[in-house]
Amino acid sequence: MDITEIITMIVQLLLVPLITWAVVELRKWILSRTKASEIETALMLAERSIIAAVSTTAQTFVDDLRASGEWSPEAASLAADRALQLARRTMSDSTMEILRQVTGDANQWIKQRIEEAVRDDKMAAKKATIEG
């Protein structure tokens, strides 16, 4: 065996495992980036659905009840349920599945975001009234 064969054997013994390790690590990194991107997209789409559901519920249900003086805690609960159902209907199955995986309880997360969106709308209305 000459020196060239020895060097070739050593390089093969070192490079093959190193290349295999690098490919495995690269695959893990790509998968983690892809999953993070999927989660980020799902959360963004869910937020948009929730904001649209709150807005639609306010325009088609809440405003009419308030104008007629029929607004009550029961009506508020019904409005929240309507917003939840509307938001869920506008979300894809994959978005709902990602929400389940990330939050543990997708419905509870959506309900909390609905409450936050309602609060944000109230704060924006107060600010507009003060500035207006």
N, C-alpha and C. Protein backbone atom coordinates (compact mmCIF):
# COMPACT_ATOMS: atom_id res chain seq x y z
N MET A 1 0.84 -1.16 0.00
CA MET A 1 0.00 0.00 0.00
C MET A 1 0.90 1.24 0.00
N ASP A 2 0.64 2.11 -0.94
CA ASP A 2 1.46 3.32 -1.00
C ASP A 2 0.76 4.46 -0.25
N ILE A 3 1.43 5.58 -0.16
CA ILE A 3 0.96 6.73 0.61
C ILE A 3 -0.35 7.29 0.05
N THR A 4 -0.53 7.25 -1.27
CA THR A 4 -1.75 7.76 -1.89
C THR A 4 -2.97 6.94 -1.47
N GLU A 5 -2.82 5.64 -1.44
CA GLU A 5 -3.92 4.77 -1.01
C GLU A 5 -4.25 4.99 0.46
N ILE A 6 -3.25 5.18 1.27
CA ILE A 6 -3.46 5.43 2.71
C ILE A 6 -4.20 6.75 2.90
N ILE A 7 -3.78 7.79 2.20
CA ILE A 7 -4.44 9.11 2.31
C ILE A 7 -5.88 9.01 1.82
N THR A 8 -6.11 8.31 0.73
CA THR A 8 -7.47 8.14 0.19
C THR A 8 -8.35 7.41 1.20
N MET A 9 -7.84 6.38 1.84
CA MET A 9 -8.59 5.62 2.82
C MET A 9 -8.92 6.49 4.04
N ILE A 10 -7.97 7.25 4.51
CA ILE A 10 -8.18 8.12 5.66
C ILE A 10 -9.23 9.19 5.33
N VAL A 11 -9.11 9.79 4.16
CA VAL A 11 -10.07 10.81 3.74
C VAL A 11 -11.47 10.22 3.67
N GLN A 12 -11.58 9.03 3.10
CA GLN A 12 -12.88 8.38 3.00
C GLN A 12 -13.45 8.05 4.38
N LEU A 13 -12.59 7.60 5.27
CA LEU A 13 -13.05 7.27 6.62
C LEU A 13 -13.51 8.51 7.38
N LEU A 14 -12.90 9.64 7.09
CA LEU A 14 -13.27 10.87 7.78
C LEU A 14 -14.40 11.63 7.08
N LEU A 15 -14.33 11.70 5.76
CA LEU A 15 -15.29 12.51 5.02
C LEU A 15 -16.68 11.91 4.94
N VAL A 16 -16.79 10.62 4.77
CA VAL A 16 -18.11 10.01 4.64
C VAL A 16 -18.96 10.24 5.89
N PRO A 17 -18.44 9.96 7.10
CA PRO A 17 -19.27 10.25 8.28
C PRO A 17 -19.53 11.76 8.46
N LEU A 18 -18.54 12.58 8.14
CA LEU A 18 -18.72 14.03 8.26
C LEU A 18 -19.79 14.53 7.31
N ILE A 19 -19.77 14.07 6.08
CA ILE A 19 -20.77 14.48 5.10
C ILE A 19 -22.15 13.97 5.51
N THR A 20 -22.23 12.74 6.00
CA THR A 20 -23.50 12.18 6.47
C THR A 20 -24.06 13.01 7.62
N TRP A 21 -23.21 13.33 8.58
CA TRP A 21 -23.62 14.17 9.71
C TRP A 21 -24.12 15.53 9.22
N ALA A 22 -23.38 16.15 8.30
CA ALA A 22 -23.75 17.47 7.79
C ALA A 22 -25.10 17.42 7.08
N VAL A 23 -25.35 16.39 6.31
CA VAL A 23 -26.63 16.26 5.60
C VAL A 23 -27.77 16.10 6.60
N VAL A 24 -27.58 15.29 7.63
CA VAL A 24 -28.60 15.10 8.66
C VAL A 24 -28.89 16.42 9.38
N GLU A 25 -27.85 17.14 9.75
CA GLU A 25 -28.04 18.43 10.44
C GLU A 25 -28.71 19.45 9.54
N LEU A 26 -28.36 19.48 8.28
CA LEU A 26 -28.98 20.40 7.33
C LEU A 26 -30.47 20.07 7.19
N ARG A 27 -30.78 18.81 7.10
CA ARG A 27 -32.19 18.39 7.00
C ARG A 27 -32.97 18.83 8.24
N LYS A 28 -32.41 18.63 9.42
CA LYS A 28 -33.06 19.06 10.66
C LYS A 28 -33.31 20.56 10.65
N TRP A 29 -32.29 21.31 10.23
CA TRP A 29 -32.41 22.77 10.20
C TRP A 29 -33.51 23.21 9.22
N ILE A 30 -33.53 22.59 8.04
CA ILE A 30 -34.55 22.94 7.04
C ILE A 30 -35.94 22.61 7.57
N LEU A 31 -36.10 21.46 8.18
CA LEU A 31 -37.40 21.08 8.74
C LEU A 31 -37.84 22.02 9.84
N SER A 32 -36.93 22.43 10.71
CA SER A 32 -37.28 23.34 11.79
C SER A 32 -37.68 24.70 11.24
N ARG A 33 -36.98 25.18 10.23
CA ARG A 33 -37.32 26.46 9.61
C ARG A 33 -38.68 26.38 8.91
N THR A 34 -38.93 25.26 8.24
CA THR A 34 -40.20 25.07 7.55
C THR A 34 -41.34 25.03 8.56
N LYS A 35 -41.16 24.31 9.64
CA LYS A 35 -42.20 24.20 10.67
C LYS A 35 -42.45 25.56 11.31
N ALA A 36 -41.39 26.29 11.60
CA ALA A 36 -41.55 27.62 12.19
C ALA A 36 -42.31 28.54 11.24
N SER A 37 -42.02 28.43 9.96
CA SER A 37 -42.71 29.24 8.96
C SER A 37 -44.18 28.86 8.87
N GLU A 38 -44.47 27.57 8.93
CA GLU A 38 -45.86 27.10 8.91
C GLU A 38 -46.63 27.62 10.12
N ILE A 39 -46.00 27.58 11.28
CA ILE A 39 -46.65 28.06 12.50
C ILE A 39 -46.90 29.56 12.41
N GLU A 40 -45.90 30.29 11.97
CA GLU A 40 -46.04 31.75 11.84
C GLU A 40 -47.16 32.10 10.87
N THR A 41 -47.23 31.40 9.76
CA THR A 41 -48.30 31.65 8.77
C THR A 41 -49.66 31.30 9.35
N ALA A 42 -49.75 30.17 10.04
CA ALA A 42 -51.03 29.76 10.64
C ALA A 42 -51.50 30.78 11.67
N LEU A 43 -50.60 31.27 12.51
CA LEU A 43 -50.98 32.26 13.51
C LEU A 43 -51.44 33.56 12.86
N MET A 44 -50.75 33.98 11.80
CA MET A 44 -51.14 35.19 11.09
C MET A 44 -52.53 35.03 10.47
N LEU A 45 -52.77 33.89 9.82
CA LEU A 45 -54.07 33.65 9.21
C LEU A 45 -55.17 33.56 10.27
N ALA A 46 -54.87 32.94 11.40
CA ALA A 46 -55.84 32.85 12.48
C ALA A 46 -56.18 34.24 13.02
N GLU A 47 -55.16 35.06 13.21
CA GLU A 47 -55.39 36.43 13.69
C GLU A 47 -56.29 37.20 12.73
N ARG A 48 -56.02 37.07 11.44
CA ARG A 48 -56.85 37.76 10.44
C ARG A 48 -58.29 37.27 10.49
N SER A 49 -58.48 35.97 10.62
CA SER A 49 -59.83 35.40 10.71
C SER A 49 -60.57 35.92 11.94
N ILE A 50 -59.85 36.00 13.04
CA ILE A 50 -60.46 36.45 14.29
C ILE A 50 -60.86 37.92 14.19
N ILE A 51 -59.98 38.75 13.68
CA ILE A 51 -60.28 40.18 13.55
C ILE A 51 -61.47 40.38 12.62
N ALA A 52 -61.50 39.65 11.51
CA ALA A 52 -62.62 39.75 10.58
C ALA A 52 -63.91 39.27 11.23
N ALA A 53 -63.84 38.19 12.00
CA ALA A 53 -65.04 37.66 12.67
C ALA A 53 -65.58 38.65 13.70
N VAL A 54 -64.69 39.27 14.45
CA VAL A 54 -65.12 40.26 15.44
C VAL A 54 -65.77 41.45 14.75
N SER A 55 -65.15 41.92 13.69
CA SER A 55 -65.69 43.06 12.95
C SER A 55 -67.06 42.73 12.35
N THR A 56 -67.16 41.57 11.73
CA THR A 56 -68.43 41.16 11.12
C THR A 56 -69.52 40.99 12.18
N THR A 57 -69.19 40.37 13.29
CA THR A 57 -70.17 40.18 14.36
C THR A 57 -70.62 41.52 14.91
N ALA A 58 -69.70 42.44 15.06
CA ALA A 58 -70.07 43.77 15.56
C ALA A 58 -71.03 44.46 14.59
N GLN A 59 -70.73 44.38 13.31
CA GLN A 59 -71.55 45.06 12.31
C GLN A 59 -72.91 44.41 12.10
N THR A 60 -72.97 43.09 12.18
CA THR A 60 -74.22 42.40 11.85
C THR A 60 -75.06 42.02 13.06
N PHE A 61 -74.52 42.14 14.25
CA PHE A 61 -75.24 41.67 15.43
C PHE A 61 -75.18 42.67 16.58
N VAL A 62 -73.99 43.01 17.00
CA VAL A 62 -73.80 43.84 18.18
C VAL A 62 -74.36 45.24 17.98
N ASP A 63 -74.02 45.88 16.88
CA ASP A 63 -74.48 47.26 16.65
C ASP A 63 -76.00 47.37 16.67
N ASP A 64 -76.69 46.39 16.07
CA ASP A 64 -78.15 46.40 16.05
C ASP A 64 -78.73 46.26 17.46
N LEU A 65 -78.16 45.35 18.24
CA LEU A 65 -78.66 45.16 19.61
C LEU A 65 -78.42 46.39 20.48
N ARG A 66 -77.26 46.99 20.32
CA ARG A 66 -76.97 48.20 21.10
C ARG A 66 -77.89 49.35 20.70
N ALA A 67 -78.14 49.49 19.41
CA ALA A 67 -79.01 50.57 18.92
C ALA A 67 -80.43 50.40 19.42
N SER A 68 -80.87 49.15 19.56
CA SER A 68 -82.24 48.90 20.02
C SER A 68 -82.34 48.85 21.55
N GLY A 69 -81.19 48.95 22.23
CA GLY A 69 -81.20 48.90 23.69
C GLY A 69 -81.32 47.50 24.25
N GLU A 70 -81.13 46.50 23.44
CA GLU A 70 -81.28 45.11 23.87
C GLU A 70 -79.96 44.46 24.24
N TRP A 71 -78.90 45.24 24.35
CA TRP A 71 -77.58 44.68 24.69
C TRP A 71 -77.59 44.21 26.13
N SER A 72 -77.09 43.02 26.38
CA SER A 72 -77.08 42.43 27.72
C SER A 72 -75.88 41.49 27.84
N PRO A 73 -75.60 41.02 29.05
CA PRO A 73 -74.52 40.04 29.20
C PRO A 73 -74.78 38.77 28.37
N GLU A 74 -76.05 38.36 28.26
CA GLU A 74 -76.38 37.19 27.45
C GLU A 74 -76.10 37.46 25.98
N ALA A 75 -76.42 38.67 25.53
CA ALA A 75 -76.15 39.04 24.14
C ALA A 75 -74.65 39.09 23.89
N ALA A 76 -73.90 39.57 24.87
CA ALA A 76 -72.44 39.61 24.74
C ALA A 76 -71.88 38.20 24.60
N SER A 77 -72.40 37.27 25.38
CA SER A 77 -71.95 35.88 25.30
C SER A 77 -72.32 35.28 23.94
N LEU A 78 -73.51 35.58 23.47
CA LEU A 78 -73.94 35.09 22.16
C LEU A 78 -73.07 35.69 21.05
N ALA A 79 -72.73 36.96 21.17
CA ALA A 79 -71.85 37.60 20.17
C ALA A 79 -70.48 36.94 20.16
N ALA A 80 -69.94 36.64 21.33
CA ALA A 80 -68.64 35.98 21.42
C ALA A 80 -68.70 34.60 20.76
N ASP A 81 -69.80 33.86 21.01
CA ASP A 81 -69.96 32.54 20.39
C ASP A 81 -70.06 32.66 18.86
N ARG A 82 -70.80 33.67 18.40
CA ARG A 82 -70.92 33.87 16.95
C ARG A 82 -69.56 34.20 16.33
N ALA A 83 -68.80 35.05 16.99
CA ALA A 83 -67.46 35.40 16.49
C ALA A 83 -66.57 34.17 16.47
N LEU A 84 -66.65 33.35 17.50
CA LEU A 84 -65.85 32.11 17.55
C LEU A 84 -66.21 31.20 16.39
N GLN A 85 -67.49 30.97 16.17
CA GLN A 85 -67.92 30.09 15.09
C GLN A 85 -67.52 30.64 13.72
N LEU A 86 -67.68 31.94 13.53
CA LEU A 86 -67.30 32.55 12.27
C LEU A 86 -65.79 32.45 12.03
N ALA A 87 -65.02 32.72 13.06
CA ALA A 87 -63.57 32.62 12.94
C ALA A 87 -63.15 31.19 12.58
N ARG A 88 -63.74 30.22 13.25
CA ARG A 88 -63.39 28.81 12.99
C ARG A 88 -63.78 28.39 11.58
N ARG A 89 -64.94 28.89 11.10
CA ARG A 89 -65.37 28.53 9.74
C ARG A 89 -64.43 29.10 8.68
N THR A 90 -63.79 30.21 8.97
CA THR A 90 -62.93 30.83 7.97
C THR A 90 -61.48 30.33 8.04
N MET A 91 -61.17 29.53 9.05
CA MET A 91 -59.82 28.97 9.17
C MET A 91 -59.78 27.59 8.51
N SER A 92 -58.68 27.31 7.85
CA SER A 92 -58.52 25.99 7.22
C SER A 92 -58.30 24.92 8.29
N ASP A 93 -58.50 23.68 7.89
CA ASP A 93 -58.25 22.56 8.81
C ASP A 93 -56.79 22.53 9.25
N SER A 94 -55.88 22.86 8.32
CA SER A 94 -54.47 22.82 8.68
C SER A 94 -54.13 23.92 9.69
N THR A 95 -54.74 25.09 9.53
CA THR A 95 -54.52 26.16 10.51
C THR A 95 -55.04 25.74 11.88
N MET A 96 -56.23 25.16 11.92
CA MET A 96 -56.78 24.70 13.20
C MET A 96 -55.89 23.62 13.82
N GLU A 97 -55.36 22.72 13.01
CA GLU A 97 -54.49 21.66 13.54
C GLU A 97 -53.21 22.26 14.11
N ILE A 98 -52.63 23.20 13.42
CA ILE A 98 -51.42 23.85 13.94
C ILE A 98 -51.73 24.59 15.23
N LEU A 99 -52.88 25.26 15.29
CA LEU A 99 -53.27 25.94 16.54
C LEU A 99 -53.41 24.93 17.68
N ARG A 100 -54.00 23.79 17.40
CA ARG A 100 -54.13 22.75 18.43
C ARG A 100 -52.75 22.30 18.93
N GLN A 101 -51.84 22.10 17.99
CA GLN A 101 -50.50 21.64 18.35
C GLN A 101 -49.75 22.69 19.16
N VAL A 102 -49.87 23.94 18.75
CA VAL A 102 -49.10 25.01 19.38
C VAL A 102 -49.70 25.46 20.70
N THR A 103 -51.02 25.57 20.76
CA THR A 103 -51.67 26.14 21.94
C THR A 103 -52.23 25.09 22.89
N GLY A 104 -52.44 23.89 22.39
CA GLY A 104 -53.05 22.86 23.23
C GLY A 104 -54.57 22.89 23.14
N ASP A 105 -55.16 24.09 23.16
CA ASP A 105 -56.61 24.26 23.08
C ASP A 105 -56.91 25.41 22.12
N ALA A 106 -57.14 25.05 20.87
CA ALA A 106 -57.33 26.07 19.84
C ALA A 106 -58.54 26.95 20.14
N ASN A 107 -59.64 26.35 20.60
CA ASN A 107 -60.84 27.15 20.89
C ASN A 107 -60.59 28.18 21.99
N GLN A 108 -59.89 27.77 23.02
CA GLN A 108 -59.60 28.71 24.11
C GLN A 108 -58.70 29.84 23.62
N TRP A 109 -57.72 29.51 22.80
CA TRP A 109 -56.84 30.53 22.25
C TRP A 109 -57.63 31.51 21.39
N ILE A 110 -58.53 30.98 20.55
CA ILE A 110 -59.35 31.84 19.70
C ILE A 110 -60.24 32.74 20.56
N LYS A 111 -60.85 32.19 21.59
CA LYS A 111 -61.70 32.99 22.49
C LYS A 111 -60.91 34.13 23.12
N GLN A 112 -59.70 33.84 23.57
CA GLN A 112 -58.87 34.88 24.17
C GLN A 112 -58.53 35.96 23.16
N ARG A 113 -58.21 35.56 21.94
CA ARG A 113 -57.90 36.54 20.89
C ARG A 113 -59.13 37.35 20.52
N ILE A 114 -60.31 36.74 20.56
CA ILE A 114 -61.55 37.49 20.30
C ILE A 114 -61.72 38.57 21.36
N GLU A 115 -61.51 38.21 22.62
CA GLU A 115 -61.62 39.20 23.70
C GLU A 115 -60.61 40.34 23.50
N GLU A 116 -59.41 39.99 23.10
CA GLU A 116 -58.39 41.02 22.85
C GLU A 116 -58.79 41.91 21.68
N ALA A 117 -59.34 41.32 20.63
CA ALA A 117 -59.76 42.11 19.46
C ALA A 117 -60.91 43.04 19.83
N VAL A 118 -61.84 42.57 20.64
CA VAL A 118 -62.96 43.42 21.09
C VAL A 118 -62.41 44.57 21.92
N ARG A 119 -61.49 44.28 22.84
CA ARG A 119 -60.88 45.33 23.66
C ARG A 119 -60.15 46.34 22.78
N ASP A 120 -59.39 45.85 21.81
CA ASP A 120 -58.67 46.74 20.91
C ASP A 120 -59.63 47.65 20.15
N ASP A 121 -60.77 47.09 19.69
CA ASP A 121 -61.77 47.90 18.99
C ASP A 121 -62.35 48.98 19.91
N LYS A 122 -62.62 48.61 21.16
CA LYS A 122 -63.16 49.58 22.13
C LYS A 122 -62.15 50.70 22.39
N MET A 123 -60.89 50.32 22.55
CA MET A 123 -59.85 51.32 22.81
C MET A 123 -59.70 52.25 21.60
N ALA A 124 -59.75 51.70 20.40
CA ALA A 124 -59.63 52.51 19.19
C ALA A 124 -60.82 53.46 19.07
N ALA A 125 -62.01 52.99 19.44
CA ALA A 125 -63.20 53.84 19.38
C ALA A 125 -63.10 54.98 20.41
N LYS A 126 -62.62 54.67 21.60
CA LYS A 126 -62.45 55.71 22.63
C LYS A 126 -61.44 56.75 22.18
N LYS A 127 -60.35 56.27 21.60
CA LYS A 127 -59.30 57.19 21.13
C LYS A 127 -59.84 58.08 20.02
N ALA A 128 -60.61 57.51 19.11
CA ALA A 128 -61.19 58.30 18.02
C ALA A 128 -62.16 59.33 18.56
N THR A 129 -62.91 58.98 19.60
CA THR A 129 -63.86 59.91 20.20
C THR A 129 -63.13 61.06 20.87
N ILE A 130 -62.06 60.73 21.57
CA ILE A 130 -61.28 61.77 22.27
C ILE A 130 -60.60 62.68 21.27
N GLU A 131 -60.02 62.11 20.22
CA GLU A 131 -59.31 62.90 19.24
C GLU A 131 -60.24 63.64 18.28
N GLY A 132 -61.44 63.08 18.12
CA GLY A 132 -62.38 63.60 17.12
C GLY A 132 -63.01 64.86 17.53
